[in-house]
Amino acid sequence: MAGTLGSPTRSTSGLTLLEMLVATTLLVIIVLGLTAMFLQTQKAFRGGFTQTDVLESGRTVVDMISRDFQQMSDAQDPNITNFFFHSFGPPLIQTDGQNSRENFFSDVFTLQRVNTTWYGVGYAISNAIGGASSQSLVGTLYRFTYQTNGAPTDNPCFQFVQFSNNQNYDTNHFYRLIDGVVHFRIRAFDAFGQEMTNNETAAAAD
C-alpha cells in the first residue's frame, strides 16, 4: 500500500514593524515622564534642604546675638563705649513689580563682663562685592571678640569700628558666621521705649 508522506504545516505569529514602533514610542514616553518626575523631585528636595539649612543657620545666629545682648555690661566710665550700632550704605530696595522691601546692613557692638574679664563682642557685615559704599546684594556676617583684663581702658569698641570700617576681617578677632545675608538690621531703644535714631554716636547703657 503506497502512501504519500508530507510535513505538517505550522502557523507562526509575531509583531509587525508598526507594532514594534508603537511599543518603542510608548516606552520612550514613559521613560521620559519618569525621568522628568525624578528630576523635579530631586530639585524640590535640594531646594527644601537648602532652605532648611539657611533657616537653621539663621536661628542659630539669632540665638547667639540674643545671648550676647542679655550679657551686656556697663563699664561705669563715660569714655568706654558699652553699646554701639551703625548702618552703612543706603538701603537696598527690592521689588517684584507689586511689593517692595528695604534691605539693611548694620554693625553692632556690645560690652560684656565675666568676673574681672571684659569682652567686646560685635557683629559686622562684609559685602566685599563692590565695597560697602555700593551696598551689594548679599554679605557675610562676622562675629568680633576682644578680651581684656581689668578695666577696658583700651575701649574694645574702637578696635571693632576700626576693623569693620576698613573691612579688615582677616584678623584673629573675627570669624565667619553665615554667608548670603541679605538683611541684618539693628534697632536700639532706650529705657523709655524710644528708638535711638542717631546711629553714628556711641551710646552708653545704664
C-alpha atoms as a PDB file:
ATOM      1  CA  MET A   1       0.000   0.000   0.000  1.00  0.00           C
ATOM      2  CA  ALA A   2       1.593   3.132  -1.105  1.00  0.00           C
ATOM      3  CA  GLY A   3       1.130   6.467   0.564  1.00  0.00           C
ATOM      4  CA  THR A   4       2.479   9.987   0.447  1.00  0.00           C
ATOM      5  CA  LEU A   5       4.297  11.425   3.424  1.00  0.00           C
ATOM      6  CA  GLY A   6       4.267  15.200   3.926  1.00  0.00           C
ATOM      7  CA  SER A   7       5.462  17.624   6.663  1.00  0.00           C
ATOM      8  CA  PRO A   8       2.713  19.261   8.738  1.00  0.00           C
ATOM      9  CA  THR A   9       2.203  22.995   8.229  1.00  0.00           C
ATOM     10  CA  ARG A  10       2.774  25.348  11.184  1.00  0.00           C
ATOM     11  CA  SER A  11       1.338  28.852  11.595  1.00  0.00           C
ATOM     12  CA  THR A  12       3.746  31.387  13.233  1.00  0.00           C
ATOM     13  CA  SER A  13       2.712  34.750  14.737  1.00  0.00           C
ATOM     14  CA  GLY A  14       4.851  37.830  15.686  1.00  0.00           C
ATOM     15  CA  LEU A  15       4.929  41.587  15.930  1.00  0.00           C
ATOM     16  CA  THR A  16       4.766  43.671  12.878  1.00  0.00           C
ATOM     17  CA  LEU A  17       7.115  46.592  12.351  1.00  0.00           C
ATOM     18  CA  LEU A  18       4.326  49.070  13.088  1.00  0.00           C
ATOM     19  CA  GLU A  19       3.520  47.391  16.407  1.00  0.00           C
ATOM     20  CA  MET A  20       7.190  47.477  17.415  1.00  0.00           C
ATOM     21  CA  LEU A  21       7.408  51.175  16.599  1.00  0.00           C
ATOM     22  CA  VAL A  22       4.287  51.916  18.659  1.00  0.00           C
ATOM     23  CA  ALA A  23       5.598  49.933  21.642  1.00  0.00           C
ATOM     24  CA  THR A  24       9.002  51.621  21.457  1.00  0.00           C
ATOM     25  CA  THR A  25       7.397  55.065  21.291  1.00  0.00           C
ATOM     26  CA  LEU A  26       5.240  54.347  24.324  1.00  0.00           C
ATOM     27  CA  LEU A  27       8.277  53.063  26.237  1.00  0.00           C
ATOM     28  CA  VAL A  28      10.255  56.196  25.391  1.00  0.00           C
ATOM     29  CA  ILE A  29       7.383  58.437  26.545  1.00  0.00           C
ATOM     30  CA  ILE A  30       7.102  56.552  29.850  1.00  0.00           C
ATOM     31  CA  VAL A  31      10.861  56.745  30.465  1.00  0.00           C
ATOM     32  CA  LEU A  32      10.922  60.476  29.686  1.00  0.00           C
ATOM     33  CA  GLY A  33       7.987  61.092  32.030  1.00  0.00           C
ATOM     34  CA  LEU A  34       9.638  59.163  34.855  1.00  0.00           C
ATOM     35  CA  THR A  35      12.931  60.999  34.287  1.00  0.00           C
ATOM     36  CA  ALA A  36      11.223  64.397  34.381  1.00  0.00           C
ATOM     37  CA  MET A  37       9.384  63.433  37.566  1.00  0.00           C
ATOM     38  CA  PHE A  38      12.617  62.233  39.167  1.00  0.00           C
ATOM     39  CA  LEU A  39      14.467  65.436  38.253  1.00  0.00           C
ATOM     40  CA  GLN A  40      11.642  67.610  39.573  1.00  0.00           C
ATOM     41  CA  THR A  41      11.531  65.650  42.824  1.00  0.00           C
ATOM     42  CA  GLN A  42      15.287  65.893  43.185  1.00  0.00           C
ATOM     43  CA  LYS A  43      15.163  69.662  42.561  1.00  0.00           C
ATOM     44  CA  ALA A  44      12.431  70.134  45.157  1.00  0.00           C
ATOM     45  CA  PHE A  45      14.370  68.045  47.669  1.00  0.00           C
ATOM     46  CA  ARG A  46      17.538  70.054  47.156  1.00  0.00           C
ATOM     47  CA  GLY A  47      15.622  73.324  47.416  1.00  0.00           C
ATOM     48  CA  GLY A  48      13.949  72.244  50.639  1.00  0.00           C
ATOM     49  CA  PHE A  49      17.223  71.009  52.086  1.00  0.00           C
ATOM     50  CA  THR A  50      18.956  74.292  51.238  1.00  0.00           C
ATOM     51  CA  GLN A  51      16.100  76.332  52.728  1.00  0.00           C
ATOM     52  CA  THR A  52      16.181  74.259  55.897  1.00  0.00           C
ATOM     53  CA  ASP A  53      19.928  74.761  56.192  1.00  0.00           C
ATOM     54  CA  VAL A  54      19.570  78.536  55.746  1.00  0.00           C
ATOM     55  CA  LEU A  55      16.778  78.790  58.331  1.00  0.00           C
ATOM     56  CA  GLU A  56      18.710  76.677  60.809  1.00  0.00           C
ATOM     57  CA  SER A  57      21.786  78.882  60.407  1.00  0.00           C
ATOM     58  CA  GLY A  58      19.621  81.979  60.851  1.00  0.00           C
ATOM     59  CA  ARG A  59      18.070  80.646  64.054  1.00  0.00           C
ATOM     60  CA  THR A  60      21.499  79.783  65.443  1.00  0.00           C
ATOM     61  CA  VAL A  61      22.824  83.278  64.754  1.00  0.00           C
ATOM     62  CA  VAL A  62      19.736  84.969  66.244  1.00  0.00           C
ATOM     63  CA  ASP A  63      20.062  82.884  69.418  1.00  0.00           C
ATOM     64  CA  MET A  64      23.754  83.797  69.669  1.00  0.00           C
ATOM     65  CA  ILE A  65      23.054  87.530  69.278  1.00  0.00           C
ATOM     66  CA  SER A  66      20.229  87.358  71.822  1.00  0.00           C
ATOM     67  CA  ARG A  67      22.523  85.774  74.407  1.00  0.00           C
ATOM     68  CA  ASP A  68      25.171  88.437  73.802  1.00  0.00           C
ATOM     69  CA  PHE A  69      22.640  91.221  74.282  1.00  0.00           C
ATOM     70  CA  GLN A  70      21.429  89.657  77.535  1.00  0.00           C
ATOM     71  CA  GLN A  71      25.009  89.713  78.889  1.00  0.00           C
ATOM     72  CA  MET A  72      25.656  93.420  78.212  1.00  0.00           C
ATOM     73  CA  SER A  73      27.509  95.241  80.993  1.00  0.00           C
ATOM     74  CA  ASP A  74      28.184  98.846  81.921  1.00  0.00           C
ATOM     75  CA  ALA A  75      31.832  99.879  82.203  1.00  0.00           C
ATOM     76  CA  GLN A  76      30.867 102.785  84.535  1.00  0.00           C
ATOM     77  CA  ASP A  77      33.153 105.008  82.502  1.00  0.00           C
ATOM     78  CA  PRO A  78      31.926 107.735  80.120  1.00  0.00           C
ATOM     79  CA  ASN A  79      34.981 107.159  77.924  1.00  0.00           C
ATOM     80  CA  ILE A  80      34.182 103.487  77.358  1.00  0.00           C
ATOM     81  CA  THR A  81      31.550 102.506  74.811  1.00  0.00           C
ATOM     82  CA  ASN A  82      29.082  99.954  76.162  1.00  0.00           C
ATOM     83  CA  PHE A  83      26.858  99.659  73.102  1.00  0.00           C
ATOM     84  CA  PHE A  84      27.251 100.793  69.521  1.00  0.00           C
ATOM     85  CA  PHE A  85      25.322 100.193  66.309  1.00  0.00           C
ATOM     86  CA  HIS A  86      25.825 101.576  62.864  1.00  0.00           C
ATOM     87  CA  SER A  87      24.186 101.110  59.446  1.00  0.00           C
ATOM     88  CA  PHE A  88      26.370 101.592  56.399  1.00  0.00           C
ATOM     89  CA  GLY A  89      25.395 102.338  52.843  1.00  0.00           C
ATOM     90  CA  PRO A  90      21.942 103.212  51.504  1.00  0.00           C
ATOM     91  CA  PRO A  91      19.232 100.562  51.930  1.00  0.00           C
ATOM     92  CA  LEU A  92      18.754  98.201  49.040  1.00  0.00           C
ATOM     93  CA  ILE A  93      15.271  98.437  47.528  1.00  0.00           C
ATOM     94  CA  GLN A  94      13.988  95.167  46.108  1.00  0.00           C
ATOM     95  CA  THR A  95      10.689  94.903  44.250  1.00  0.00           C
ATOM     96  CA  ASP A  96       8.821  92.284  42.259  1.00  0.00           C
ATOM     97  CA  GLY A  97       6.654  94.824  40.458  1.00  0.00           C
ATOM     98  CA  GLN A  98       3.942  94.852  43.112  1.00  0.00           C
ATOM     99  CA  ASN A  99       5.612  94.682  46.508  1.00  0.00           C
ATOM    100  CA  SER A 100       8.889  96.222  47.600  1.00  0.00           C
ATOM    101  CA  ARG A 101      11.112  95.875  50.643  1.00  0.00           C
ATOM    102  CA  GLU A 102      14.170  97.581  52.052  1.00  0.00           C
ATOM    103  CA  ASN A 103      17.193  95.507  52.982  1.00  0.00           C
ATOM    104  CA  PHE A 104      19.621  96.973  55.531  1.00  0.00           C
ATOM    105  CA  PHE A 105      23.095  96.048  56.683  1.00  0.00           C
ATOM    106  CA  SER A 106      24.125  97.037  60.212  1.00  0.00           C
ATOM    107  CA  ASP A 107      27.073  96.608  62.566  1.00  0.00           C
ATOM    108  CA  VAL A 108      26.572  96.223  66.314  1.00  0.00           C
ATOM    109  CA  PHE A 109      28.874  96.071  69.334  1.00  0.00           C
ATOM    110  CA  THR A 110      28.244  95.169  72.978  1.00  0.00           C
ATOM    111  CA  LEU A 111      30.466  95.136  76.064  1.00  0.00           C
ATOM    112  CA  GLN A 112      30.306  92.174  78.429  1.00  0.00           C
ATOM    113  CA  ARG A 113      31.897  91.311  81.741  1.00  0.00           C
ATOM    114  CA  VAL A 114      32.663  87.915  83.265  1.00  0.00           C
ATOM    115  CA  ASN A 115      34.209  88.248  86.731  1.00  0.00           C
ATOM    116  CA  THR A 116      37.214  90.544  86.147  1.00  0.00           C
ATOM    117  CA  THR A 117      37.447  89.917  82.420  1.00  0.00           C
ATOM    118  CA  TRP A 118      35.814  92.245  79.900  1.00  0.00           C
ATOM    119  CA  TYR A 119      34.745  91.118  76.453  1.00  0.00           C
ATOM    120  CA  GLY A 120      33.925  93.209  73.454  1.00  0.00           C
ATOM    121  CA  VAL A 121      31.515  91.346  71.187  1.00  0.00           C
ATOM    122  CA  GLY A 122      30.369  92.687  67.839  1.00  0.00           C
ATOM    123  CA  TYR A 123      28.679  91.634  64.625  1.00  0.00           C
ATOM    124  CA  ALA A 124      29.623  93.100  61.275  1.00  0.00           C
ATOM    125  CA  ILE A 125      28.546  92.572  57.682  1.00  0.00           C
ATOM    126  CA  SER A 126      31.132  92.363  54.935  1.00  0.00           C
ATOM    127  CA  ASN A 127      29.755  92.782  51.438  1.00  0.00           C
ATOM    128  CA  ALA A 128      33.060  92.867  49.636  1.00  0.00           C
ATOM    129  CA  ILE A 129      31.336  92.666  46.225  1.00  0.00           C
ATOM    130  CA  GLY A 130      31.655  96.273  45.139  1.00  0.00           C
ATOM    131  CA  GLY A 131      32.602  97.520  48.610  1.00  0.00           C
ATOM    132  CA  ALA A 132      30.496  98.783  51.472  1.00  0.00           C
ATOM    133  CA  SER A 133      29.603 102.046  49.756  1.00  0.00           C
ATOM    134  CA  SER A 134      27.888 100.360  46.829  1.00  0.00           C
ATOM    135  CA  GLN A 135      25.645  98.223  49.067  1.00  0.00           C
ATOM    136  CA  SER A 136      25.820  94.974  47.152  1.00  0.00           C
ATOM    137  CA  LEU A 137      23.084  92.375  47.239  1.00  0.00           C
ATOM    138  CA  VAL A 138      24.423  89.919  49.826  1.00  0.00           C
ATOM    139  CA  GLY A 139      27.014  89.897  52.566  1.00  0.00           C
ATOM    140  CA  THR A 140      28.810  87.720  55.098  1.00  0.00           C
ATOM    141  CA  LEU A 141      28.138  88.082  58.817  1.00  0.00           C
ATOM    142  CA  TYR A 142      31.200  88.046  61.069  1.00  0.00           C
ATOM    143  CA  ARG A 143      31.441  87.928  64.863  1.00  0.00           C
ATOM    144  CA  PHE A 144      34.030  90.056  66.631  1.00  0.00           C
ATOM    145  CA  THR A 145      35.516  89.160  70.021  1.00  0.00           C
ATOM    146  CA  TYR A 146      38.043  91.139  72.033  1.00  0.00           C
ATOM    147  CA  GLN A 147      39.206  90.244  75.538  1.00  0.00           C
ATOM    148  CA  THR A 148      40.846  92.489  78.104  1.00  0.00           C
ATOM    149  CA  ASN A 149      41.537  92.065  81.808  1.00  0.00           C
ATOM    150  CA  GLY A 150      40.739  94.722  84.359  1.00  0.00           C
ATOM    151  CA  ALA A 151      39.044  97.911  83.227  1.00  0.00           C
ATOM    152  CA  PRO A 152      38.604  98.050  79.422  1.00  0.00           C
ATOM    153  CA  THR A 153      40.596 101.280  79.101  1.00  0.00           C
ATOM    154  CA  ASP A 154      41.578 100.464  75.521  1.00  0.00           C
ATOM    155  CA  ASN A 155      37.893 100.706  74.524  1.00  0.00           C
ATOM    156  CA  PRO A 156      37.260  97.451  72.593  1.00  0.00           C
ATOM    157  CA  CYS A 157      34.573  99.204  70.550  1.00  0.00           C
ATOM    158  CA  PHE A 158      37.260 101.358  68.942  1.00  0.00           C
ATOM    159  CA  GLN A 159      39.030  98.207  67.749  1.00  0.00           C
ATOM    160  CA  PHE A 160      35.771  96.850  66.386  1.00  0.00           C
ATOM    161  CA  VAL A 161      34.936 100.051  64.490  1.00  0.00           C
ATOM    162  CA  GLN A 162      38.427 100.304  63.045  1.00  0.00           C
ATOM    163  CA  PHE A 163      38.377  96.750  61.756  1.00  0.00           C
ATOM    164  CA  SER A 164      34.835  96.903  60.371  1.00  0.00           C
ATOM    165  CA  ASN A 165      35.283 100.305  58.697  1.00  0.00           C
ATOM    166  CA  ASN A 166      38.379  99.027  56.927  1.00  0.00           C
ATOM    167  CA  GLN A 167      36.654  95.756  56.013  1.00  0.00           C
ATOM    168  CA  ASN A 168      39.556  94.031  57.758  1.00  0.00           C
ATOM    169  CA  TYR A 169      38.157  90.624  58.673  1.00  0.00           C
ATOM    170  CA  ASP A 170      41.397  88.692  58.315  1.00  0.00           C
ATOM    171  CA  THR A 171      42.364  89.122  61.952  1.00  0.00           C
ATOM    172  CA  ASN A 172      42.033  86.678  64.807  1.00  0.00           C
ATOM    173  CA  HIS A 173      39.296  88.854  66.328  1.00  0.00           C
ATOM    174  CA  PHE A 174      36.743  87.988  63.631  1.00  0.00           C
ATOM    175  CA  TYR A 175      35.328  84.698  62.481  1.00  0.00           C
ATOM    176  CA  ARG A 176      32.775  83.927  59.825  1.00  0.00           C
ATOM    177  CA  LEU A 177      29.253  83.034  60.938  1.00  0.00           C
ATOM    178  CA  ILE A 178      26.997  82.829  57.902  1.00  0.00           C
ATOM    179  CA  ASP A 179      27.107  83.694  54.202  1.00  0.00           C
ATOM    180  CA  GLY A 180      24.382  85.014  51.941  1.00  0.00           C
ATOM    181  CA  VAL A 181      22.943  87.597  54.343  1.00  0.00           C
ATOM    182  CA  VAL A 182      20.541  89.994  52.583  1.00  0.00           C
ATOM    183  CA  HIS A 183      19.129  91.807  55.633  1.00  0.00           C
ATOM    184  CA  PHE A 184      20.672  92.456  59.031  1.00  0.00           C
ATOM    185  CA  ARG A 185      19.197  95.453  60.844  1.00  0.00           C
ATOM    186  CA  ILE A 186      19.739  96.586  64.409  1.00  0.00           C
ATOM    187  CA  ARG A 187      17.256  98.951  66.098  1.00  0.00           C
ATOM    188  CA  ALA A 188      18.076 100.258  69.575  1.00  0.00           C
ATOM    189  CA  PHE A 189      15.570 101.628  72.108  1.00  0.00           C
ATOM    190  CA  ASP A 190      16.251 103.472  75.340  1.00  0.00           C
ATOM    191  CA  ALA A 191      14.786 102.719  78.761  1.00  0.00           C
ATOM    192  CA  PHE A 192      11.625 104.662  77.893  1.00  0.00           C
ATOM    193  CA  GLY A 193      10.932 102.698  74.705  1.00  0.00           C
ATOM    194  CA  GLN A 194      12.093 105.487  72.390  1.00  0.00           C
ATOM    195  CA  GLU A 195      14.087 104.455  69.350  1.00  0.00           C
ATOM    196  CA  MET A 196      17.657 105.741  69.264  1.00  0.00           C
ATOM    197  CA  THR A 197      17.974 107.067  65.726  1.00  0.00           C
ATOM    198  CA  ASN A 198      21.359 108.804  65.910  1.00  0.00           C
ATOM    199  CA  ASN A 199      23.224 105.662  64.929  1.00  0.00           C
ATOM    200  CA  GLU A 200      26.536 107.380  64.328  1.00  0.00           C
ATOM    201  CA  THR A 201      27.003 108.158  68.032  1.00  0.00           C
ATOM    202  CA  ALA A 202      28.192 105.608  70.577  1.00  0.00           C
ATOM    203  CA  ALA A 203      25.547 105.051  73.247  1.00  0.00           C
ATOM    204  CA  ALA A 204      26.327 104.488  76.919  1.00  0.00           C
ATOM    205  CA  ALA A 205      23.994 101.981  78.551  1.00  0.00           C
ATOM    206  CA  ASP A 206      22.733 102.439  82.099  1.00  0.00           C
END
